Amino acid sequence: MAAAQKHRQAIIDAAVDLFRRQGYSGTGLNDVVRASGAPKGSLYHYFPHGKASIAEAAVLEAGTRVADTVRELSGKAASTGDLVKSHAQLLAGWMTKSGWKDGSPVTTVILEMAPENDAVTEAGRQVFAAWRREIQNHLVTDGFDDLRAERLAFLCTAVIEGALVQSRVEKSGQPLLTASEELAQLLAAAAKQQPITLPPTAGSPG
């Protein structure tokens, strides 16, 4: 990686770590500079619009990491329920290791900046869509039709994101584990049912 590009990535990586612990408002540009080790001039060079453009890049970076993780777990999971439980266990272990200081950099930034900041809002849409797509693909493999798989993927992401917040508040991985176990049971039961007709999800074609 070229030195200049390395500085850009170091800034993004530092922002991801800081935002997940301190939130967007609680993180200053000087914090990012110190944590990244990048020259302060490179921050303004790569992110001329300041902290907001760093937030956009951090959301996209964190989202890519989540999608990559879910994709990797998907390749090892026998069912989508197993995939969801494996991801929840991973998240619970990660939060425990951090002493419950780490949250989701995607959620912390979006809650503070969306929908007012269009770029961050769009980055959030892309991130959640990529995460849902990985789950939806596995649901289709499990035998669900595309529409039902899409809706269930929405449910899975919403539940896990909510459980992630509750786990941080409770200082316990149990909300994540409980939520994922219930999702797995729900998905297994749904897979045995006859197909049902559902209206399209908002924003879906048709």
C-alpha atoms as a PDB file:
ATOM      1  CA  MET A   1       0.000   0.000   0.000  1.00  0.00           C
ATOM      2  CA  ALA A   2       1.408   3.406  -0.966  1.00  0.00           C
ATOM      3  CA  ALA A   3       2.335   5.619   1.972  1.00  0.00           C
ATOM      4  CA  ALA A   4      -0.284   8.225   1.069  1.00  0.00           C
ATOM      5  CA  GLN A   5      -3.050   5.612   0.808  1.00  0.00           C
ATOM      6  CA  LYS A   6      -1.811   4.078   4.041  1.00  0.00           C
ATOM      7  CA  HIS A   7      -2.410   7.393   5.815  1.00  0.00           C
ATOM      8  CA  ARG A   8      -5.976   7.521   4.495  1.00  0.00           C
ATOM      9  CA  GLN A   9      -6.725   4.003   5.676  1.00  0.00           C
ATOM     10  CA  ALA A  10      -5.123   4.680   9.051  1.00  0.00           C
ATOM     11  CA  ILE A  11      -7.435   7.662   9.521  1.00  0.00           C
ATOM     12  CA  ILE A  12     -10.503   5.586   8.639  1.00  0.00           C
ATOM     13  CA  ASP A  13      -9.454   2.716  10.913  1.00  0.00           C
ATOM     14  CA  ALA A  14      -8.869   5.113  13.802  1.00  0.00           C
ATOM     15  CA  ALA A  15     -12.257   6.749  13.221  1.00  0.00           C
ATOM     16  CA  VAL A  16     -14.017   3.373  13.240  1.00  0.00           C
ATOM     17  CA  ASP A  17     -12.457   2.518  16.618  1.00  0.00           C
ATOM     18  CA  LEU A  18     -13.097   5.928  18.147  1.00  0.00           C
ATOM     19  CA  PHE A  19     -16.687   6.273  16.924  1.00  0.00           C
ATOM     20  CA  ARG A  20     -17.650   2.850  18.277  1.00  0.00           C
ATOM     21  CA  ARG A  21     -16.364   3.830  21.723  1.00  0.00           C
ATOM     22  CA  GLN A  22     -17.005   7.566  21.946  1.00  0.00           C
ATOM     23  CA  GLY A  23     -19.627   8.267  19.323  1.00  0.00           C
ATOM     24  CA  TYR A  24     -19.375  10.870  16.600  1.00  0.00           C
ATOM     25  CA  SER A  25     -19.881  13.972  18.736  1.00  0.00           C
ATOM     26  CA  GLY A  26     -17.496  12.718  21.400  1.00  0.00           C
ATOM     27  CA  THR A  27     -14.649  12.297  18.928  1.00  0.00           C
ATOM     28  CA  GLY A  28     -12.606  15.285  17.784  1.00  0.00           C
ATOM     29  CA  LEU A  29     -10.340  15.574  14.770  1.00  0.00           C
ATOM     30  CA  ASN A  30      -7.317  15.739  17.064  1.00  0.00           C
ATOM     31  CA  ASP A  31      -8.403  12.393  18.537  1.00  0.00           C
ATOM     32  CA  VAL A  32      -8.409  10.887  15.055  1.00  0.00           C
ATOM     33  CA  VAL A  33      -4.993  12.345  14.260  1.00  0.00           C
ATOM     34  CA  ARG A  34      -3.466  10.996  17.472  1.00  0.00           C
ATOM     35  CA  ALA A  35      -5.001   7.543  17.106  1.00  0.00           C
ATOM     36  CA  SER A  36      -4.127   7.189  13.418  1.00  0.00           C
ATOM     37  CA  GLY A  37      -0.556   8.479  13.619  1.00  0.00           C
ATOM     38  CA  ALA A  38      -1.150  10.168  10.266  1.00  0.00           C
ATOM     39  CA  PRO A  39       0.100  13.697   9.591  1.00  0.00           C
ATOM     40  CA  LYS A  40      -2.639  16.221  10.298  1.00  0.00           C
ATOM     41  CA  GLY A  41      -2.272  17.606   6.793  1.00  0.00           C
ATOM     42  CA  SER A  42      -3.202  14.244   5.302  1.00  0.00           C
ATOM     43  CA  LEU A  43      -6.503  14.352   7.162  1.00  0.00           C
ATOM     44  CA  TYR A  44      -7.514  17.557   5.407  1.00  0.00           C
ATOM     45  CA  HIS A  45      -6.101  16.309   2.123  1.00  0.00           C
ATOM     46  CA  TYR A  46      -8.179  13.148   2.023  1.00  0.00           C
ATOM     47  CA  PHE A  47     -11.188  14.520   3.874  1.00  0.00           C
ATOM     48  CA  PRO A  48     -11.527  18.170   2.868  1.00  0.00           C
ATOM     49  CA  HIS A  49     -15.073  18.316   4.252  1.00  0.00           C
ATOM     50  CA  GLY A  50     -13.800  17.439   7.701  1.00  0.00           C
ATOM     51  CA  LYS A  51     -15.211  15.060  10.265  1.00  0.00           C
ATOM     52  CA  ALA A  52     -18.472  14.425   8.400  1.00  0.00           C
ATOM     53  CA  SER A  53     -16.644  12.939   5.420  1.00  0.00           C
ATOM     54  CA  ILE A  54     -14.528  10.824   7.786  1.00  0.00           C
ATOM     55  CA  ALA A  55     -17.759   9.568   9.329  1.00  0.00           C
ATOM     56  CA  GLU A  56     -19.063   8.549   5.918  1.00  0.00           C
ATOM     57  CA  ALA A  57     -15.873   6.618   5.173  1.00  0.00           C
ATOM     58  CA  ALA A  58     -15.910   5.017   8.641  1.00  0.00           C
ATOM     59  CA  VAL A  59     -19.496   3.816   8.218  1.00  0.00           C
ATOM     60  CA  LEU A  60     -18.666   2.271   4.843  1.00  0.00           C
ATOM     61  CA  GLU A  61     -15.516   0.636   6.235  1.00  0.00           C
ATOM     62  CA  ALA A  62     -17.316  -0.792   9.251  1.00  0.00           C
ATOM     63  CA  GLY A  63     -20.133  -1.997   7.028  1.00  0.00           C
ATOM     64  CA  THR A  64     -17.721  -3.784   4.736  1.00  0.00           C
ATOM     65  CA  ARG A  65     -16.195  -5.557   7.729  1.00  0.00           C
ATOM     66  CA  VAL A  66     -19.620  -6.705   8.939  1.00  0.00           C
ATOM     67  CA  ALA A  67     -20.667  -7.960   5.500  1.00  0.00           C
ATOM     68  CA  ASP A  68     -17.348  -9.796   5.096  1.00  0.00           C
ATOM     69  CA  THR A  69     -17.762 -11.417   8.503  1.00  0.00           C
ATOM     70  CA  VAL A  70     -21.342 -12.506   7.805  1.00  0.00           C
ATOM     71  CA  ARG A  71     -20.273 -13.869   4.409  1.00  0.00           C
ATOM     72  CA  GLU A  72     -17.477 -15.875   6.009  1.00  0.00           C
ATOM     73  CA  LEU A  73     -19.788 -17.249   8.693  1.00  0.00           C
ATOM     74  CA  SER A  74     -22.405 -18.025   6.061  1.00  0.00           C
ATOM     75  CA  GLY A  75     -20.000 -20.372   4.300  1.00  0.00           C
ATOM     76  CA  LYS A  76     -19.725 -22.453   7.469  1.00  0.00           C
ATOM     77  CA  ALA A  77     -23.368 -22.337   8.624  1.00  0.00           C
ATOM     78  CA  ALA A  78     -25.784 -25.182   7.930  1.00  0.00           C
ATOM     79  CA  SER A  79     -28.754 -22.814   8.145  1.00  0.00           C
ATOM     80  CA  THR A  80     -29.485 -19.119   8.476  1.00  0.00           C
ATOM     81  CA  GLY A  81     -30.350 -19.742  12.116  1.00  0.00           C
ATOM     82  CA  ASP A  82     -26.869 -21.120  12.671  1.00  0.00           C
ATOM     83  CA  LEU A  83     -25.444 -18.103  10.844  1.00  0.00           C
ATOM     84  CA  VAL A  84     -27.316 -15.645  13.065  1.00  0.00           C
ATOM     85  CA  LYS A  85     -26.281 -17.482  16.241  1.00  0.00           C
ATOM     86  CA  SER A  86     -22.632 -17.635  15.164  1.00  0.00           C
ATOM     87  CA  HIS A  87     -22.613 -13.909  14.439  1.00  0.00           C
ATOM     88  CA  ALA A  88     -24.257 -13.104  17.771  1.00  0.00           C
ATOM     89  CA  GLN A  89     -21.691 -15.219  19.629  1.00  0.00           C
ATOM     90  CA  LEU A  90     -18.894 -13.408  17.823  1.00  0.00           C
ATOM     91  CA  LEU A  91     -20.371 -10.005  18.694  1.00  0.00           C
ATOM     92  CA  ALA A  92     -20.893 -11.013  22.328  1.00  0.00           C
ATOM     93  CA  GLY A  93     -17.274 -12.150  22.621  1.00  0.00           C
ATOM     94  CA  TRP A  94     -15.993  -8.993  20.984  1.00  0.00           C
ATOM     95  CA  MET A  95     -18.012  -6.751  23.310  1.00  0.00           C
ATOM     96  CA  THR A  96     -16.970  -8.723  26.387  1.00  0.00           C
ATOM     97  CA  LYS A  97     -13.317  -8.387  25.401  1.00  0.00           C
ATOM     98  CA  SER A  98     -13.709  -4.605  25.084  1.00  0.00           C
ATOM     99  CA  GLY A  99     -15.228  -4.333  28.563  1.00  0.00           C
ATOM    100  CA  TRP A 100     -18.506  -3.268  26.952  1.00  0.00           C
ATOM    101  CA  LYS A 101     -16.892  -0.070  25.701  1.00  0.00           C
ATOM    102  CA  ASP A 102     -17.271  -0.926  22.040  1.00  0.00           C
ATOM    103  CA  GLY A 103     -20.559  -0.477  20.223  1.00  0.00           C
ATOM    104  CA  SER A 104     -21.365  -0.446  16.549  1.00  0.00           C
ATOM    105  CA  PRO A 105     -19.638   2.457  14.761  1.00  0.00           C
ATOM    106  CA  VAL A 106     -22.355   2.244  12.127  1.00  0.00           C
ATOM    107  CA  THR A 107     -25.173   2.676  14.633  1.00  0.00           C
ATOM    108  CA  THR A 108     -23.482   5.362  16.729  1.00  0.00           C
ATOM    109  CA  VAL A 109     -22.730   7.538  13.715  1.00  0.00           C
ATOM    110  CA  ILE A 110     -26.085   7.040  11.989  1.00  0.00           C
ATOM    111  CA  LEU A 111     -28.079   7.830  15.124  1.00  0.00           C
ATOM    112  CA  GLU A 112     -26.260  11.141  15.432  1.00  0.00           C
ATOM    113  CA  MET A 113     -26.116  12.163  11.776  1.00  0.00           C
ATOM    114  CA  ALA A 114     -29.014  10.636   9.844  1.00  0.00           C
ATOM    115  CA  PRO A 115     -31.093  11.811   8.132  1.00  0.00           C
ATOM    116  CA  GLU A 116     -29.665  15.334   8.208  1.00  0.00           C
ATOM    117  CA  ASN A 117     -26.371  14.364   6.570  1.00  0.00           C
ATOM    118  CA  ASP A 118     -27.204  12.900   3.156  1.00  0.00           C
ATOM    119  CA  ALA A 119     -23.820  11.232   2.593  1.00  0.00           C
ATOM    120  CA  VAL A 120     -23.789   9.423   5.929  1.00  0.00           C
ATOM    121  CA  THR A 121     -27.440   8.455   5.496  1.00  0.00           C
ATOM    122  CA  GLU A 122     -26.701   6.920   2.100  1.00  0.00           C
ATOM    123  CA  ALA A 123     -23.647   5.143   3.508  1.00  0.00           C
ATOM    124  CA  GLY A 124     -25.882   3.658   6.193  1.00  0.00           C
ATOM    125  CA  ARG A 125     -28.363   2.454   3.591  1.00  0.00           C
ATOM    126  CA  GLN A 126     -25.576   0.741   1.669  1.00  0.00           C
ATOM    127  CA  VAL A 127     -24.202  -0.899   4.796  1.00  0.00           C
ATOM    128  CA  PHE A 128     -27.496  -2.346   5.983  1.00  0.00           C
ATOM    129  CA  ALA A 129     -28.397  -3.445   2.457  1.00  0.00           C
ATOM    130  CA  ALA A 130     -25.101  -5.348   2.159  1.00  0.00           C
ATOM    131  CA  TRP A 131     -25.614  -7.037   5.540  1.00  0.00           C
ATOM    132  CA  ARG A 132     -29.220  -7.979   4.668  1.00  0.00           C
ATOM    133  CA  ARG A 133     -28.130  -9.297   1.282  1.00  0.00           C
ATOM    134  CA  GLU A 134     -25.759 -11.824   2.873  1.00  0.00           C
ATOM    135  CA  ILE A 135     -28.513 -13.068   5.187  1.00  0.00           C
ATOM    136  CA  GLN A 136     -31.089 -13.044   2.397  1.00  0.00           C
ATOM    137  CA  ASN A 137     -28.845 -15.176   0.194  1.00  0.00           C
ATOM    138  CA  HIS A 138     -28.596 -17.797   2.916  1.00  0.00           C
ATOM    139  CA  LEU A 139     -32.349 -17.719   3.475  1.00  0.00           C
ATOM    140  CA  VAL A 140     -32.905 -18.400  -0.222  1.00  0.00           C
ATOM    141  CA  THR A 141     -30.535 -21.349   0.105  1.00  0.00           C
ATOM    142  CA  ASP A 142     -32.722 -22.527   2.996  1.00  0.00           C
ATOM    143  CA  GLY A 143     -35.694 -22.601   0.623  1.00  0.00           C
ATOM    144  CA  PHE A 144     -37.402 -19.243   1.154  1.00  0.00           C
ATOM    145  CA  ASP A 145     -38.576 -17.292  -1.867  1.00  0.00           C
ATOM    146  CA  ASP A 146     -36.873 -13.978  -2.572  1.00  0.00           C
ATOM    147  CA  LEU A 147     -39.580 -11.775  -1.042  1.00  0.00           C
ATOM    148  CA  ARG A 148     -39.909 -13.731   2.191  1.00  0.00           C
ATOM    149  CA  ALA A 149     -36.117 -13.976   2.453  1.00  0.00           C
ATOM    150  CA  GLU A 150     -35.852 -10.209   2.052  1.00  0.00           C
ATOM    151  CA  ARG A 151     -38.354  -9.538   4.817  1.00  0.00           C
ATOM    152  CA  LEU A 152     -36.790 -12.042   7.191  1.00  0.00           C
ATOM    153  CA  ALA A 153     -33.363 -10.543   6.532  1.00  0.00           C
ATOM    154  CA  PHE A 154     -34.780  -7.148   7.580  1.00  0.00           C
ATOM    155  CA  LEU A 155     -36.013  -8.762  10.788  1.00  0.00           C
ATOM    156  CA  CYS A 156     -32.681 -10.437  11.534  1.00  0.00           C
ATOM    157  CA  THR A 157     -30.643  -7.269  11.124  1.00  0.00           C
ATOM    158  CA  ALA A 158     -33.086  -5.187  13.163  1.00  0.00           C
ATOM    159  CA  VAL A 159     -33.127  -7.684  16.031  1.00  0.00           C
ATOM    160  CA  ILE A 160     -29.356  -8.138  16.184  1.00  0.00           C
ATOM    161  CA  GLU A 161     -28.707  -4.379  16.041  1.00  0.00           C
ATOM    162  CA  GLY A 162     -31.191  -3.847  18.887  1.00  0.00           C
ATOM    163  CA  ALA A 163     -29.686  -6.691  20.909  1.00  0.00           C
ATOM    164  CA  LEU A 164     -26.225  -5.200  20.396  1.00  0.00           C
ATOM    165  CA  VAL A 165     -27.362  -1.985  22.078  1.00  0.00           C
ATOM    166  CA  GLN A 166     -29.037  -3.881  24.917  1.00  0.00           C
ATOM    167  CA  SER A 167     -25.929  -5.998  25.482  1.00  0.00           C
ATOM    168  CA  ARG A 168     -23.835  -2.873  25.904  1.00  0.00           C
ATOM    169  CA  VAL A 169     -26.317  -1.419  28.390  1.00  0.00           C
ATOM    170  CA  GLU A 170     -26.623  -4.668  30.343  1.00  0.00           C
ATOM    171  CA  LYS A 171     -22.888  -5.393  30.144  1.00  0.00           C
ATOM    172  CA  SER A 172     -23.815  -8.902  29.142  1.00  0.00           C
ATOM    173  CA  GLY A 173     -23.778 -10.944  25.963  1.00  0.00           C
ATOM    174  CA  GLN A 174     -27.064 -12.576  26.928  1.00  0.00           C
ATOM    175  CA  PRO A 175     -29.346 -10.206  24.969  1.00  0.00           C
ATOM    176  CA  LEU A 176     -27.422 -11.080  21.800  1.00  0.00           C
ATOM    177  CA  LEU A 177     -27.450 -14.799  22.525  1.00  0.00           C
ATOM    178  CA  THR A 178     -31.125 -14.865  23.480  1.00  0.00           C
ATOM    179  CA  ALA A 179     -32.173 -12.816  20.460  1.00  0.00           C
ATOM    180  CA  SER A 180     -30.207 -14.997  18.061  1.00  0.00           C
ATOM    181  CA  GLU A 181     -31.583 -18.220  19.574  1.00  0.00           C
ATOM    182  CA  GLU A 182     -35.150 -16.956  19.202  1.00  0.00           C
ATOM    183  CA  LEU A 183     -34.455 -15.857  15.634  1.00  0.00           C
ATOM    184  CA  ALA A 184     -33.066 -19.290  14.827  1.00  0.00           C
ATOM    185  CA  GLN A 185     -36.208 -20.968  16.184  1.00  0.00           C
ATOM    186  CA  LEU A 186     -38.430 -18.552  14.284  1.00  0.00           C
ATOM    187  CA  LEU A 187     -36.581 -19.184  11.027  1.00  0.00           C
ATOM    188  CA  ALA A 188     -36.702 -22.947  11.498  1.00  0.00           C
ATOM    189  CA  ALA A 189     -40.448 -22.815  12.127  1.00  0.00           C
ATOM    190  CA  ALA A 190     -41.017 -20.512   9.170  1.00  0.00           C
ATOM    191  CA  ALA A 191     -39.091 -22.847   6.880  1.00  0.00           C
ATOM    192  CA  LYS A 192     -41.589 -25.648   7.657  1.00  0.00           C
ATOM    193  CA  GLN A 193     -44.642 -23.549   6.872  1.00  0.00           C
ATOM    194  CA  GLN A 194     -46.351 -23.306   3.522  1.00  0.00           C
ATOM    195  CA  PRO A 195     -45.342 -20.229   1.488  1.00  0.00           C
ATOM    196  CA  ILE A 196     -47.455 -17.191   2.272  1.00  0.00           C
ATOM    197  CA  THR A 197     -48.202 -14.144   0.158  1.00  0.00           C
ATOM    198  CA  LEU A 198     -46.701 -10.930   1.527  1.00  0.00           C
ATOM    199  CA  PRO A 199     -46.797  -7.336   0.327  1.00  0.00           C
ATOM    200  CA  PRO A 200     -43.470  -6.004  -1.019  1.00  0.00           C
ATOM    201  CA  THR A 201     -41.124  -4.426   1.502  1.00  0.00           C
ATOM    202  CA  ALA A 202     -41.000  -0.630   1.241  1.00  0.00           C
ATOM    203  CA  GLY A 203     -38.546   0.331  -1.477  1.00  0.00           C
ATOM    204  CA  SER A 204     -38.635  -3.085  -3.139  1.00  0.00           C
ATOM    205  CA  PRO A 205     -39.502  -3.451  -6.816  1.00  0.00           C
ATOM    206  CA  GLY A 206     -43.049  -4.513  -7.523  1.00  0.00           C
END
